[in-house]
mmCIF file of all heavy atoms, coordinates in Angstrom:
data_MODEL
# 
_entry.id   MODEL 
# 
loop_
_atom_site.group_PDB 
_atom_site.id 
_atom_site.type_symbol 
_atom_site.label_atom_id 
_atom_site.label_alt_id 
_atom_site.label_comp_id 
_atom_site.label_asym_id 
_atom_site.label_entity_id 
_atom_site.label_seq_id 
_atom_site.pdbx_PDB_ins_code 
_atom_site.Cartn_x 
_atom_site.Cartn_y 
_atom_site.Cartn_z 
_atom_site.occupancy 
_atom_site.B_iso_or_equiv 
_atom_site.pdbx_formal_charge 
_atom_site.auth_seq_id 
_atom_site.auth_comp_id 
_atom_site.auth_asym_id 
_atom_site.auth_atom_id 
_atom_site.pdbx_PDB_model_num 
ATOM 1   N N   . LYS A 1 1  ? 0.846   -3.679  9.119  1.00 0.00 ? 1  LYS A N   1 
ATOM 2   C CA  . LYS A 1 1  ? 1.285   -3.542  7.731  1.00 0.00 ? 1  LYS A CA  1 
ATOM 3   C C   . LYS A 1 1  ? 2.140   -4.674  7.263  1.00 0.00 ? 1  LYS A C   1 
ATOM 4   O O   . LYS A 1 1  ? 1.999   -5.221  6.162  1.00 0.00 ? 1  LYS A O   1 
ATOM 5   C CB  . LYS A 1 1  ? 1.990   -2.227  7.565  1.00 0.00 ? 1  LYS A CB  1 
ATOM 6   C CG  . LYS A 1 1  ? 2.348   -1.871  6.088  1.00 0.00 ? 1  LYS A CG  1 
ATOM 7   C CD  . LYS A 1 1  ? 3.060   -0.578  5.940  1.00 0.00 ? 1  LYS A CD  1 
ATOM 8   C CE  . LYS A 1 1  ? 3.291   -0.218  4.474  1.00 0.00 ? 1  LYS A CE  1 
ATOM 9   N NZ  . LYS A 1 1  ? 3.963   -1.276  3.731  1.00 0.00 ? 1  LYS A NZ  1 
ATOM 10  N N   . SER A 1 2  ? 3.089   -5.114  8.130  1.00 0.00 ? 2  SER A N   1 
ATOM 11  C CA  . SER A 1 2  ? 3.988   -6.216  7.761  1.00 0.00 ? 2  SER A CA  1 
ATOM 12  C C   . SER A 1 2  ? 3.187   -7.468  7.612  1.00 0.00 ? 2  SER A C   1 
ATOM 13  O O   . SER A 1 2  ? 3.487   -8.304  6.694  1.00 0.00 ? 2  SER A O   1 
ATOM 14  C CB  . SER A 1 2  ? 5.105   -6.395  8.796  1.00 0.00 ? 2  SER A CB  1 
ATOM 15  O OG  . SER A 1 2  ? 4.514   -6.673  10.096 1.00 0.00 ? 2  SER A OG  1 
ATOM 16  N N   . GLU A 1 3  ? 2.227   -7.740  8.514  1.00 0.00 ? 3  GLU A N   1 
ATOM 17  C CA  . GLU A 1 3  ? 1.397   -8.969  8.398  1.00 0.00 ? 3  GLU A CA  1 
ATOM 18  C C   . GLU A 1 3  ? 0.556   -8.930  7.164  1.00 0.00 ? 3  GLU A C   1 
ATOM 19  O O   . GLU A 1 3  ? 0.392   -9.931  6.451  1.00 0.00 ? 3  GLU A O   1 
ATOM 20  C CB  . GLU A 1 3  ? 0.542   -9.094  9.643  1.00 0.00 ? 3  GLU A CB  1 
ATOM 21  C CG  . GLU A 1 3  ? 1.211   -9.440  10.942 1.00 0.00 ? 3  GLU A CG  1 
ATOM 22  C CD  . GLU A 1 3  ? 0.381   -9.422  12.163 1.00 0.00 ? 3  GLU A CD  1 
ATOM 23  O OE1 . GLU A 1 3  ? -0.554  -8.589  12.151 1.00 0.00 ? 3  GLU A OE1 1 
ATOM 24  O OE2 . GLU A 1 3  ? 0.654   -10.162 13.079 1.00 0.00 ? 3  GLU A OE2 1 
ATOM 25  N N   . ALA A 1 4  ? 0.007   -7.740  6.857  1.00 0.00 ? 4  ALA A N   1 
ATOM 26  C CA  . ALA A 1 4  ? -0.843  -7.643  5.640  1.00 0.00 ? 4  ALA A CA  1 
ATOM 27  C C   . ALA A 1 4  ? -0.035  -7.826  4.375  1.00 0.00 ? 4  ALA A C   1 
ATOM 28  O O   . ALA A 1 4  ? -0.480  -8.515  3.452  1.00 0.00 ? 4  ALA A O   1 
ATOM 29  C CB  . ALA A 1 4  ? -1.534  -6.234  5.606  1.00 0.00 ? 4  ALA A CB  1 
ATOM 30  N N   . ASP A 1 5  ? 1.231   -7.273  4.303  1.00 0.00 ? 5  ASP A N   1 
ATOM 31  C CA  . ASP A 1 5  ? 2.050   -7.493  3.144  1.00 0.00 ? 5  ASP A CA  1 
ATOM 32  C C   . ASP A 1 5  ? 2.417   -8.944  2.941  1.00 0.00 ? 5  ASP A C   1 
ATOM 33  O O   . ASP A 1 5  ? 2.393   -9.420  1.828  1.00 0.00 ? 5  ASP A O   1 
ATOM 34  C CB  . ASP A 1 5  ? 3.310   -6.593  3.325  1.00 0.00 ? 5  ASP A CB  1 
ATOM 35  C CG  . ASP A 1 5  ? 3.041   -5.115  3.208  1.00 0.00 ? 5  ASP A CG  1 
ATOM 36  O OD1 . ASP A 1 5  ? 1.991   -4.786  2.642  1.00 0.00 ? 5  ASP A OD1 1 
ATOM 37  O OD2 . ASP A 1 5  ? 3.901   -4.318  3.664  1.00 0.00 ? 5  ASP A OD2 1 
ATOM 38  N N   . LYS A 1 6  ? 2.692   -9.615  4.081  1.00 0.00 ? 6  LYS A N   1 
ATOM 39  C CA  . LYS A 1 6  ? 3.041   -11.052 3.958  1.00 0.00 ? 6  LYS A CA  1 
ATOM 40  C C   . LYS A 1 6  ? 1.825   -11.860 3.462  1.00 0.00 ? 6  LYS A C   1 
ATOM 41  O O   . LYS A 1 6  ? 1.986   -12.778 2.627  1.00 0.00 ? 6  LYS A O   1 
ATOM 42  C CB  . LYS A 1 6  ? 3.438   -11.552 5.355  1.00 0.00 ? 6  LYS A CB  1 
ATOM 43  C CG  . LYS A 1 6  ? 4.035   -12.956 5.360  1.00 0.00 ? 6  LYS A CG  1 
ATOM 44  C CD  . LYS A 1 6  ? 4.433   -13.408 6.737  1.00 0.00 ? 6  LYS A CD  1 
ATOM 45  C CE  . LYS A 1 6  ? 5.551   -12.508 7.260  1.00 0.00 ? 6  LYS A CE  1 
ATOM 46  N NZ  . LYS A 1 6  ? 6.038   -13.018 8.638  1.00 0.00 ? 6  LYS A NZ  1 
ATOM 47  N N   . LEU A 1 7  ? 0.638   -11.462 3.901  1.00 0.00 ? 7  LEU A N   1 
ATOM 48  C CA  . LEU A 1 7  ? -0.559  -12.205 3.486  1.00 0.00 ? 7  LEU A CA  1 
ATOM 49  C C   . LEU A 1 7  ? -0.883  -11.938 2.007  1.00 0.00 ? 7  LEU A C   1 
ATOM 50  O O   . LEU A 1 7  ? -1.240  -12.858 1.259  1.00 0.00 ? 7  LEU A O   1 
ATOM 51  C CB  . LEU A 1 7  ? -1.807  -11.724 4.353  1.00 0.00 ? 7  LEU A CB  1 
ATOM 52  C CG  . LEU A 1 7  ? -3.051  -12.478 4.153  1.00 0.00 ? 7  LEU A CG  1 
ATOM 53  C CD1 . LEU A 1 7  ? -2.914  -13.945 4.485  1.00 0.00 ? 7  LEU A CD1 1 
ATOM 54  C CD2 . LEU A 1 7  ? -4.182  -11.896 4.999  1.00 0.00 ? 7  LEU A CD2 1 
ATOM 55  N N   . LYS A 1 8  ? -0.619  -10.729 1.579  1.00 0.00 ? 8  LYS A N   1 
ATOM 56  C CA  . LYS A 1 8  ? -0.880  -10.374 0.162  1.00 0.00 ? 8  LYS A CA  1 
ATOM 57  C C   . LYS A 1 8  ? 0.057   -11.153 -0.760 1.00 0.00 ? 8  LYS A C   1 
ATOM 58  O O   . LYS A 1 8  ? -0.303  -11.659 -1.797 1.00 0.00 ? 8  LYS A O   1 
ATOM 59  C CB  . LYS A 1 8  ? -0.675  -8.873  -0.075 1.00 0.00 ? 8  LYS A CB  1 
ATOM 60  C CG  . LYS A 1 8  ? -1.785  -8.040  0.528  1.00 0.00 ? 8  LYS A CG  1 
ATOM 61  C CD  . LYS A 1 8  ? -1.463  -6.563  0.378  1.00 0.00 ? 8  LYS A CD  1 
ATOM 62  C CE  . LYS A 1 8  ? -2.545  -5.691  1.018  1.00 0.00 ? 8  LYS A CE  1 
ATOM 63  N NZ  . LYS A 1 8  ? -2.208  -4.261  0.922  1.00 0.00 ? 8  LYS A NZ  1 
ATOM 64  N N   . GLN A 1 9  ? 1.329   -11.324 -0.305 1.00 0.00 ? 9  GLN A N   1 
ATOM 65  C CA  . GLN A 1 9  ? 2.306   -12.077 -1.064 1.00 0.00 ? 9  GLN A CA  1 
ATOM 66  C C   . GLN A 1 9  ? 1.871   -13.575 -1.156 1.00 0.00 ? 9  GLN A C   1 
ATOM 67  O O   . GLN A 1 9  ? 2.021   -14.162 -2.196 1.00 0.00 ? 9  GLN A O   1 
ATOM 68  C CB  . GLN A 1 9  ? 3.671   -11.989 -0.417 1.00 0.00 ? 9  GLN A CB  1 
ATOM 69  C CG  . GLN A 1 9  ? 4.338   -10.618 -0.495 1.00 0.00 ? 9  GLN A CG  1 
ATOM 70  C CD  . GLN A 1 9  ? 5.611   -10.519 0.265  1.00 0.00 ? 9  GLN A CD  1 
ATOM 71  O OE1 . GLN A 1 9  ? 6.069   -11.468 0.888  1.00 0.00 ? 9  GLN A OE1 1 
ATOM 72  N NE2 . GLN A 1 9  ? 6.185   -9.309  0.287  1.00 0.00 ? 9  GLN A NE2 1 
ATOM 73  N N   . LYS A 1 10 ? 1.351   -14.088 -0.087 1.00 0.00 ? 10 LYS A N   1 
ATOM 74  C CA  . LYS A 1 10 ? 0.862   -15.451 -0.033 1.00 0.00 ? 10 LYS A CA  1 
ATOM 75  C C   . LYS A 1 10 ? -0.298  -15.634 -1.010 1.00 0.00 ? 10 LYS A C   1 
ATOM 76  O O   . LYS A 1 10 ? -0.387  -16.585 -1.806 1.00 0.00 ? 10 LYS A O   1 
ATOM 77  C CB  . LYS A 1 10 ? 0.457   -15.857 1.332  1.00 0.00 ? 10 LYS A CB  1 
ATOM 78  C CG  . LYS A 1 10 ? -0.116  -17.251 1.457  1.00 0.00 ? 10 LYS A CG  1 
ATOM 79  C CD  . LYS A 1 10 ? -0.585  -17.575 2.895  1.00 0.00 ? 10 LYS A CD  1 
ATOM 80  C CE  . LYS A 1 10 ? -1.223  -18.899 3.047  1.00 0.00 ? 10 LYS A CE  1 
ATOM 81  N NZ  . LYS A 1 10 ? -1.698  -19.174 4.403  1.00 0.00 ? 10 LYS A NZ  1 
ATOM 82  N N   . TYR A 1 11 ? -1.227  -14.699 -1.009 1.00 0.00 ? 11 TYR A N   1 
ATOM 83  C CA  . TYR A 1 11 ? -2.432  -14.746 -1.872 1.00 0.00 ? 11 TYR A CA  1 
ATOM 84  C C   . TYR A 1 11 ? -1.951  -14.634 -3.357 1.00 0.00 ? 11 TYR A C   1 
ATOM 85  O O   . TYR A 1 11 ? -2.510  -15.277 -4.242 1.00 0.00 ? 11 TYR A O   1 
ATOM 86  C CB  . TYR A 1 11 ? -3.367  -13.597 -1.578 1.00 0.00 ? 11 TYR A CB  1 
ATOM 87  C CG  . TYR A 1 11 ? -4.163  -13.838 -0.268 1.00 0.00 ? 11 TYR A CG  1 
ATOM 88  C CD1 . TYR A 1 11 ? -4.862  -12.778 0.346  1.00 0.00 ? 11 TYR A CD1 1 
ATOM 89  C CD2 . TYR A 1 11 ? -4.204  -15.114 0.304  1.00 0.00 ? 11 TYR A CD2 1 
ATOM 90  C CE1 . TYR A 1 11 ? -5.548  -12.956 1.485  1.00 0.00 ? 11 TYR A CE1 1 
ATOM 91  C CE2 . TYR A 1 11 ? -4.896  -15.238 1.521  1.00 0.00 ? 11 TYR A CE2 1 
ATOM 92  C CZ  . TYR A 1 11 ? -5.599  -14.200 2.109  1.00 0.00 ? 11 TYR A CZ  1 
ATOM 93  O OH  . TYR A 1 11 ? -6.292  -14.409 3.252  1.00 0.00 ? 11 TYR A OH  1 
ATOM 94  N N   . ALA A 1 12 ? -0.996  -13.739 -3.601 1.00 0.00 ? 12 ALA A N   1 
ATOM 95  C CA  . ALA A 1 12 ? -0.501  -13.540 -4.978 1.00 0.00 ? 12 ALA A CA  1 
ATOM 96  C C   . ALA A 1 12 ? 0.150   -14.822 -5.507 1.00 0.00 ? 12 ALA A C   1 
ATOM 97  O O   . ALA A 1 12 ? 0.010   -15.120 -6.733 1.00 0.00 ? 12 ALA A O   1 
ATOM 98  C CB  . ALA A 1 12 ? 0.476   -12.410 -4.997 1.00 0.00 ? 12 ALA A CB  1 
ATOM 99  N N   . LYS A 1 13 ? 0.790   -15.558 -4.627 1.00 0.00 ? 13 LYS A N   1 
ATOM 100 C CA  . LYS A 1 13 ? 1.470   -16.809 -5.053 1.00 0.00 ? 13 LYS A CA  1 
ATOM 101 C C   . LYS A 1 13 ? 0.496   -17.976 -5.161 1.00 0.00 ? 13 LYS A C   1 
ATOM 102 O O   . LYS A 1 13 ? 0.582   -18.733 -6.180 1.00 0.00 ? 13 LYS A O   1 
ATOM 103 C CB  . LYS A 1 13 ? 2.544   -17.125 -3.944 1.00 0.00 ? 13 LYS A CB  1 
ATOM 104 C CG  . LYS A 1 13 ? 3.347   -18.389 -4.301 1.00 0.00 ? 13 LYS A CG  1 
ATOM 105 C CD  . LYS A 1 13 ? 4.388   -18.639 -3.280 1.00 0.00 ? 13 LYS A CD  1 
ATOM 106 C CE  . LYS A 1 13 ? 5.159   -19.932 -3.554 1.00 0.00 ? 13 LYS A CE  1 
ATOM 107 N NZ  . LYS A 1 13 ? 6.206   -20.235 -2.560 1.00 0.00 ? 13 LYS A NZ  1 
ATOM 108 N N   . ASN A 1 14 ? -0.410  -18.142 -4.191 1.00 0.00 ? 14 ASN A N   1 
ATOM 109 C CA  . ASN A 1 14 ? -1.216  -19.342 -4.138 1.00 0.00 ? 14 ASN A CA  1 
ATOM 110 C C   . ASN A 1 14 ? -2.648  -19.092 -4.580 1.00 0.00 ? 14 ASN A C   1 
ATOM 111 O O   . ASN A 1 14 ? -3.470  -20.053 -4.717 1.00 0.00 ? 14 ASN A O   1 
ATOM 112 C CB  . ASN A 1 14 ? -1.219  -19.894 -2.746 1.00 0.00 ? 14 ASN A CB  1 
ATOM 113 C CG  . ASN A 1 14 ? 0.159   -20.272 -2.268 1.00 0.00 ? 14 ASN A CG  1 
ATOM 114 O OD1 . ASN A 1 14 ? 0.994   -20.728 -2.985 1.00 0.00 ? 14 ASN A OD1 1 
ATOM 115 N ND2 . ASN A 1 14 ? 0.414   -19.958 -0.986 1.00 0.00 ? 14 ASN A ND2 1 
ATOM 116 N N   . GLY A 1 15 ? -3.028  -17.841 -4.826 1.00 0.00 ? 15 GLY A N   1 
ATOM 117 C CA  . GLY A 1 15 ? -4.417  -17.511 -5.091 1.00 0.00 ? 15 GLY A CA  1 
ATOM 118 C C   . GLY A 1 15 ? -5.230  -17.315 -3.813 1.00 0.00 ? 15 GLY A C   1 
ATOM 119 O O   . GLY A 1 15 ? -4.843  -17.810 -2.758 1.00 0.00 ? 15 GLY A O   1 
ATOM 120 N N   . ASN A 1 16 ? -6.301  -16.571 -3.920 1.00 0.00 ? 16 ASN A N   1 
ATOM 121 C CA  . ASN A 1 16 ? -7.122  -16.284 -2.706 1.00 0.00 ? 16 ASN A CA  1 
ATOM 122 C C   . ASN A 1 16 ? -8.542  -16.634 -2.856 1.00 0.00 ? 16 ASN A C   1 
ATOM 123 O O   . ASN A 1 16 ? -9.436  -16.049 -2.203 1.00 0.00 ? 16 ASN A O   1 
ATOM 124 C CB  . ASN A 1 16 ? -6.914  -14.875 -2.258 1.00 0.00 ? 16 ASN A CB  1 
ATOM 125 C CG  . ASN A 1 16 ? -7.443  -13.838 -3.299 1.00 0.00 ? 16 ASN A CG  1 
ATOM 126 O OD1 . ASN A 1 16 ? -7.488  -14.154 -4.468 1.00 0.00 ? 16 ASN A OD1 1 
ATOM 127 N ND2 . ASN A 1 16 ? -7.897  -12.713 -2.811 1.00 0.00 ? 16 ASN A ND2 1 
ATOM 128 N N   . ARG A 1 17 ? -8.854  -17.587 -3.726 1.00 0.00 ? 17 ARG A N   1 
ATOM 129 C CA  . ARG A 1 17 ? -10.233 -18.062 -3.837 1.00 0.00 ? 17 ARG A CA  1 
ATOM 130 C C   . ARG A 1 17 ? -10.632 -18.760 -2.536 1.00 0.00 ? 17 ARG A C   1 
ATOM 131 O O   . ARG A 1 17 ? -9.912  -19.556 -1.999 1.00 0.00 ? 17 ARG A O   1 
ATOM 132 C CB  . ARG A 1 17 ? -10.370 -19.044 -4.982 1.00 0.00 ? 17 ARG A CB  1 
ATOM 133 C CG  . ARG A 1 17 ? -11.761 -19.606 -5.162 1.00 0.00 ? 17 ARG A CG  1 
ATOM 134 C CD  . ARG A 1 17 ? -11.769 -20.704 -6.222 1.00 0.00 ? 17 ARG A CD  1 
ATOM 135 N NE  . ARG A 1 17 ? -13.120 -21.338 -6.311 1.00 0.00 ? 17 ARG A NE  1 
ATOM 136 C CZ  . ARG A 1 17 ? -13.308 -22.439 -7.025 1.00 0.00 ? 17 ARG A CZ  1 
ATOM 137 N NH1 . ARG A 1 17 ? -12.369 -23.049 -7.684 1.00 0.00 ? 17 ARG A NH1 1 
ATOM 138 N NH2 . ARG A 1 17 ? -14.553 -22.889 -7.098 1.00 0.00 ? 17 ARG A NH2 1 
ATOM 139 N N   . ASP A 1 18 ? -11.828 -18.420 -2.017 1.00 0.00 ? 18 ASP A N   1 
ATOM 140 C CA  . ASP A 1 18 ? -12.322 -19.054 -0.801 1.00 0.00 ? 18 ASP A CA  1 
ATOM 141 C C   . ASP A 1 18 ? -13.546 -19.960 -1.140 1.00 0.00 ? 18 ASP A C   1 
ATOM 142 O O   . ASP A 1 18 ? -14.686 -19.462 -1.220 1.00 0.00 ? 18 ASP A O   1 
ATOM 143 C CB  . ASP A 1 18 ? -12.764 -17.986 0.159  1.00 0.00 ? 18 ASP A CB  1 
ATOM 144 C CG  . ASP A 1 18 ? -12.955 -18.531 1.615  1.00 0.00 ? 18 ASP A CG  1 
ATOM 145 O OD1 . ASP A 1 18 ? -13.306 -19.741 1.738  1.00 0.00 ? 18 ASP A OD1 1 
ATOM 146 O OD2 . ASP A 1 18 ? -12.769 -17.820 2.561  1.00 0.00 ? 18 ASP A OD2 1 
ATOM 147 N N   . TYR A 1 19 ? -13.230 -21.213 -1.454 1.00 0.00 ? 19 TYR A N   1 
ATOM 148 C CA  . TYR A 1 19 ? -14.291 -22.105 -1.841 1.00 0.00 ? 19 TYR A CA  1 
ATOM 149 C C   . TYR A 1 19 ? -15.296 -22.341 -0.751 1.00 0.00 ? 19 TYR A C   1 
ATOM 150 O O   . TYR A 1 19 ? -16.476 -22.568 -0.962 1.00 0.00 ? 19 TYR A O   1 
ATOM 151 C CB  . TYR A 1 19 ? -13.665 -23.473 -2.317 1.00 0.00 ? 19 TYR A CB  1 
ATOM 152 C CG  . TYR A 1 19 ? -14.687 -24.356 -2.913 1.00 0.00 ? 19 TYR A CG  1 
ATOM 153 C CD1 . TYR A 1 19 ? -15.175 -24.169 -4.202 1.00 0.00 ? 19 TYR A CD1 1 
ATOM 154 C CD2 . TYR A 1 19 ? -15.140 -25.499 -2.187 1.00 0.00 ? 19 TYR A CD2 1 
ATOM 155 C CE1 . TYR A 1 19 ? -16.061 -24.988 -4.775 1.00 0.00 ? 19 TYR A CE1 1 
ATOM 156 C CE2 . TYR A 1 19 ? -16.073 -26.343 -2.795 1.00 0.00 ? 19 TYR A CE2 1 
ATOM 157 C CZ  . TYR A 1 19 ? -16.561 -26.093 -4.085 1.00 0.00 ? 19 TYR A CZ  1 
ATOM 158 O OH  . TYR A 1 19 ? -17.491 -26.921 -4.628 1.00 0.00 ? 19 TYR A OH  1 
ATOM 159 N N   . ARG A 1 20 ? -14.801 -22.283 0.529  1.00 0.00 ? 20 ARG A N   1 
ATOM 160 C CA  . ARG A 1 20 ? -15.715 -22.449 1.631  1.00 0.00 ? 20 ARG A CA  1 
ATOM 161 C C   . ARG A 1 20 ? -16.854 -21.431 1.605  1.00 0.00 ? 20 ARG A C   1 
ATOM 162 O O   . ARG A 1 20 ? -17.996 -21.750 1.743  1.00 0.00 ? 20 ARG A O   1 
ATOM 163 C CB  . ARG A 1 20 ? -14.886 -22.343 2.958  1.00 0.00 ? 20 ARG A CB  1 
ATOM 164 C CG  . ARG A 1 20 ? -15.738 -22.215 4.214  1.00 0.00 ? 20 ARG A CG  1 
ATOM 165 C CD  . ARG A 1 20 ? -14.820 -21.833 5.335  1.00 0.00 ? 20 ARG A CD  1 
ATOM 166 N NE  . ARG A 1 20 ? -14.136 -20.586 5.128  1.00 0.00 ? 20 ARG A NE  1 
ATOM 167 C CZ  . ARG A 1 20 ? -13.136 -20.129 5.888  1.00 0.00 ? 20 ARG A CZ  1 
ATOM 168 N NH1 . ARG A 1 20 ? -12.650 -20.832 6.873  1.00 0.00 ? 20 ARG A NH1 1 
ATOM 169 N NH2 . ARG A 1 20 ? -12.562 -18.938 5.590  1.00 0.00 ? 20 ARG A NH2 1 
ATOM 170 N N   . ASN A 1 21 ? -16.488 -20.110 1.335  1.00 0.00 ? 21 ASN A N   1 
ATOM 171 C CA  . ASN A 1 21 ? -17.513 -19.106 1.330  1.00 0.00 ? 21 ASN A CA  1 
ATOM 172 C C   . ASN A 1 21 ? -18.329 -19.214 0.062  1.00 0.00 ? 21 ASN A C   1 
ATOM 173 O O   . ASN A 1 21 ? -19.519 -18.766 0.032  1.00 0.00 ? 21 ASN A O   1 
ATOM 174 C CB  . ASN A 1 21 ? -16.816 -17.682 1.449  1.00 0.00 ? 21 ASN A CB  1 
ATOM 175 C CG  . ASN A 1 21 ? -16.539 -17.338 2.894  1.00 0.00 ? 21 ASN A CG  1 
ATOM 176 O OD1 . ASN A 1 21 ? -16.720 -18.171 3.828  1.00 0.00 ? 21 ASN A OD1 1 
ATOM 177 N ND2 . ASN A 1 21 ? -16.058 -16.148 3.109  1.00 0.00 ? 21 ASN A ND2 1 
ATOM 178 N N   . GLU A 1 22 ? -17.802 -19.658 -1.010 1.00 0.00 ? 22 GLU A N   1 
ATOM 179 C CA  . GLU A 1 22 ? -18.576 -19.914 -2.207 1.00 0.00 ? 22 GLU A CA  1 
ATOM 180 C C   . GLU A 1 22 ? -19.728 -20.880 -1.947 1.00 0.00 ? 22 GLU A C   1 
ATOM 181 O O   . GLU A 1 22 ? -20.835 -20.739 -2.381 1.00 0.00 ? 22 GLU A O   1 
ATOM 182 C CB  . GLU A 1 22 ? -17.716 -20.458 -3.372 1.00 0.00 ? 22 GLU A CB  1 
ATOM 183 C CG  . GLU A 1 22 ? -16.779 -19.420 -3.947 1.00 0.00 ? 22 GLU A CG  1 
ATOM 184 C CD  . GLU A 1 22 ? -15.974 -19.968 -5.109 1.00 0.00 ? 22 GLU A CD  1 
ATOM 185 O OE1 . GLU A 1 22 ? -16.179 -21.102 -5.485 1.00 0.00 ? 22 GLU A OE1 1 
ATOM 186 O OE2 . GLU A 1 22 ? -15.036 -19.291 -5.571 1.00 0.00 ? 22 GLU A OE2 1 
ATOM 187 N N   . CYS A 1 23 ? -19.371 -21.956 -1.115 1.00 0.00 ? 23 CYS A N   1 
ATOM 188 C CA  . CYS A 1 23 ? -20.424 -22.906 -0.725 1.00 0.00 ? 23 CYS A CA  1 
ATOM 189 C C   . CYS A 1 23 ? -21.473 -22.259 0.117  1.00 0.00 ? 23 CYS A C   1 
ATOM 190 O O   . CYS A 1 23 ? -22.682 -22.524 -0.032 1.00 0.00 ? 23 CYS A O   1 
ATOM 191 C CB  . CYS A 1 23 ? -19.785 -24.056 0.079  1.00 0.00 ? 23 CYS A CB  1 
ATOM 192 S SG  . CYS A 1 23 ? -18.752 -25.164 -0.905 1.00 0.00 ? 23 CYS A SG  1 
ATOM 193 N N   . ILE A 1 24 ? -21.032 -21.362 1.089  1.00 0.00 ? 24 ILE A N   1 
ATOM 194 C CA  . ILE A 1 24 ? -22.027 -20.703 1.972  1.00 0.00 ? 24 ILE A CA  1 
ATOM 195 C C   . ILE A 1 24 ? -22.903 -19.813 1.176  1.00 0.00 ? 24 ILE A C   1 
ATOM 196 O O   . ILE A 1 24 ? -24.133 -19.819 1.368  1.00 0.00 ? 24 ILE A O   1 
ATOM 197 C CB  . ILE A 1 24 ? -21.274 -19.897 3.025  1.00 0.00 ? 24 ILE A CB  1 
ATOM 198 C CG1 . ILE A 1 24 ? -20.509 -20.792 4.015  1.00 0.00 ? 24 ILE A CG1 1 
ATOM 199 C CG2 . ILE A 1 24 ? -22.247 -19.000 3.826  1.00 0.00 ? 24 ILE A CG2 1 
ATOM 200 C CD1 . ILE A 1 24 ? -19.605 -20.055 4.951  1.00 0.00 ? 24 ILE A CD1 1 
ATOM 201 N N   . ASN A 1 25 ? -22.334 -19.035 0.217  1.00 0.00 ? 25 ASN A N   1 
ATOM 202 C CA  . ASN A 1 25 ? -23.138 -18.122 -0.576 1.00 0.00 ? 25 ASN A CA  1 
ATOM 203 C C   . ASN A 1 25 ? -24.121 -18.867 -1.490 1.00 0.00 ? 25 ASN A C   1 
ATOM 204 O O   . ASN A 1 25 ? -25.257 -18.401 -1.729 1.00 0.00 ? 25 ASN A O   1 
ATOM 205 C CB  . ASN A 1 25 ? -22.227 -17.215 -1.367 1.00 0.00 ? 25 ASN A CB  1 
ATOM 206 C CG  . ASN A 1 25 ? -21.590 -16.132 -0.531 1.00 0.00 ? 25 ASN A CG  1 
ATOM 207 O OD1 . ASN A 1 25 ? -22.241 -15.567 0.297  1.00 0.00 ? 25 ASN A OD1 1 
ATOM 208 N ND2 . ASN A 1 25 ? -20.304 -15.913 -0.764 1.00 0.00 ? 25 ASN A ND2 1 
ATOM 209 N N   . GLU A 1 26 ? -23.662 -19.994 -2.021 1.00 0.00 ? 26 GLU A N   1 
ATOM 210 C CA  . GLU A 1 26 ? -24.579 -20.815 -2.901 1.00 0.00 ? 26 GLU A CA  1 
ATOM 211 C C   . GLU A 1 26 ? -25.759 -21.372 -2.022 1.00 0.00 ? 26 GLU A C   1 
ATOM 212 O O   . GLU A 1 26 ? -26.873 -21.332 -2.539 1.00 0.00 ? 26 GLU A O   1 
ATOM 213 C CB  . GLU A 1 26 ? -23.785 -21.982 -3.494 1.00 0.00 ? 26 GLU A CB  1 
ATOM 214 C CG  . GLU A 1 26 ? -24.596 -22.869 -4.460 1.00 0.00 ? 26 GLU A CG  1 
ATOM 215 C CD  . GLU A 1 26 ? -25.041 -22.048 -5.704 1.00 0.00 ? 26 GLU A CD  1 
ATOM 216 O OE1 . GLU A 1 26 ? -24.484 -21.018 -6.032 1.00 0.00 ? 26 GLU A OE1 1 
ATOM 217 O OE2 . GLU A 1 26 ? -26.085 -22.515 -6.280 1.00 0.00 ? 26 GLU A OE2 1 
ATOM 218 N N   . PHE A 1 27 ? -25.465 -21.757 -0.783 1.00 0.00 ? 27 PHE A N   1 
ATOM 219 C CA  . PHE A 1 27 ? -26.539 -22.241 0.061  1.00 0.00 ? 27 PHE A CA  1 
ATOM 220 C C   . PHE A 1 27 ? -27.524 -21.066 0.322  1.00 0.00 ? 27 PHE A C   1 
ATOM 221 O O   . PHE A 1 27 ? -28.745 -21.257 0.267  1.00 0.00 ? 27 PHE A O   1 
ATOM 222 C CB  . PHE A 1 27 ? -26.002 -22.761 1.366  1.00 0.00 ? 27 PHE A CB  1 
ATOM 223 C CG  . PHE A 1 27 ? -27.023 -22.917 2.459  1.00 0.00 ? 27 PHE A CG  1 
ATOM 224 C CD1 . PHE A 1 27 ? -27.947 -24.014 2.400  1.00 0.00 ? 27 PHE A CD1 1 
ATOM 225 C CD2 . PHE A 1 27 ? -27.184 -21.994 3.474  1.00 0.00 ? 27 PHE A CD2 1 
ATOM 226 C CE1 . PHE A 1 27 ? -28.873 -24.192 3.364  1.00 0.00 ? 27 PHE A CE1 1 
ATOM 227 C CE2 . PHE A 1 27 ? -28.182 -22.164 4.442  1.00 0.00 ? 27 PHE A CE2 1 
ATOM 228 C CZ  . PHE A 1 27 ? -29.011 -23.254 4.392  1.00 0.00 ? 27 PHE A CZ  1 
ATOM 229 N N   . LEU A 1 28 ? -26.986 -19.848 0.692  1.00 0.00 ? 28 LEU A N   1 
ATOM 230 C CA  . LEU A 1 28 ? -27.878 -18.791 1.015  1.00 0.00 ? 28 LEU A CA  1 
ATOM 231 C C   . LEU A 1 28 ? -28.712 -18.394 -0.212 1.00 0.00 ? 28 LEU A C   1 
ATOM 232 O O   . LEU A 1 28 ? -29.894 -18.038 0.031  1.00 0.00 ? 28 LEU A O   1 
ATOM 233 C CB  . LEU A 1 28 ? -27.007 -17.557 1.431  1.00 0.00 ? 28 LEU A CB  1 
ATOM 234 C CG  . LEU A 1 28 ? -26.371 -17.663 2.818  1.00 0.00 ? 28 LEU A CG  1 
ATOM 235 C CD1 . LEU A 1 28 ? -25.418 -16.535 3.069  1.00 0.00 ? 28 LEU A CD1 1 
ATOM 236 C CD2 . LEU A 1 28 ? -27.376 -17.740 3.946  1.00 0.00 ? 28 LEU A CD2 1 
ATOM 237 N N   . LYS A 1 29 ? -28.130 -18.478 -1.401 1.00 0.00 ? 29 LYS A N   1 
ATOM 238 C CA  . LYS A 1 29 ? -28.901 -18.158 -2.618 1.00 0.00 ? 29 LYS A CA  1 
ATOM 239 C C   . LYS A 1 29 ? -30.073 -19.076 -2.798 1.00 0.00 ? 29 LYS A C   1 
ATOM 240 O O   . LYS A 1 29 ? -31.256 -18.696 -3.028 1.00 0.00 ? 29 LYS A O   1 
ATOM 241 C CB  . LYS A 1 29 ? -27.985 -18.190 -3.842 1.00 0.00 ? 29 LYS A CB  1 
ATOM 242 C CG  . LYS A 1 29 ? -28.644 -17.828 -5.098 1.00 0.00 ? 29 LYS A CG  1 
ATOM 243 C CD  . LYS A 1 29 ? -27.620 -17.962 -6.291 1.00 0.00 ? 29 LYS A CD  1 
ATOM 244 C CE  . LYS A 1 29 ? -28.300 -17.688 -7.640 1.00 0.00 ? 29 LYS A CE  1 
ATOM 245 N NZ  . LYS A 1 29 ? -27.284 -17.802 -8.750 1.00 0.00 ? 29 LYS A NZ  1 
# 
């Protein structure tokens, strides 16, 4: 729970867009 809360705070601050996976999904499409 503590690790998850810390990760959520990081995502809230910096954003959690994963451009790497966007590239993978575009390739698969």
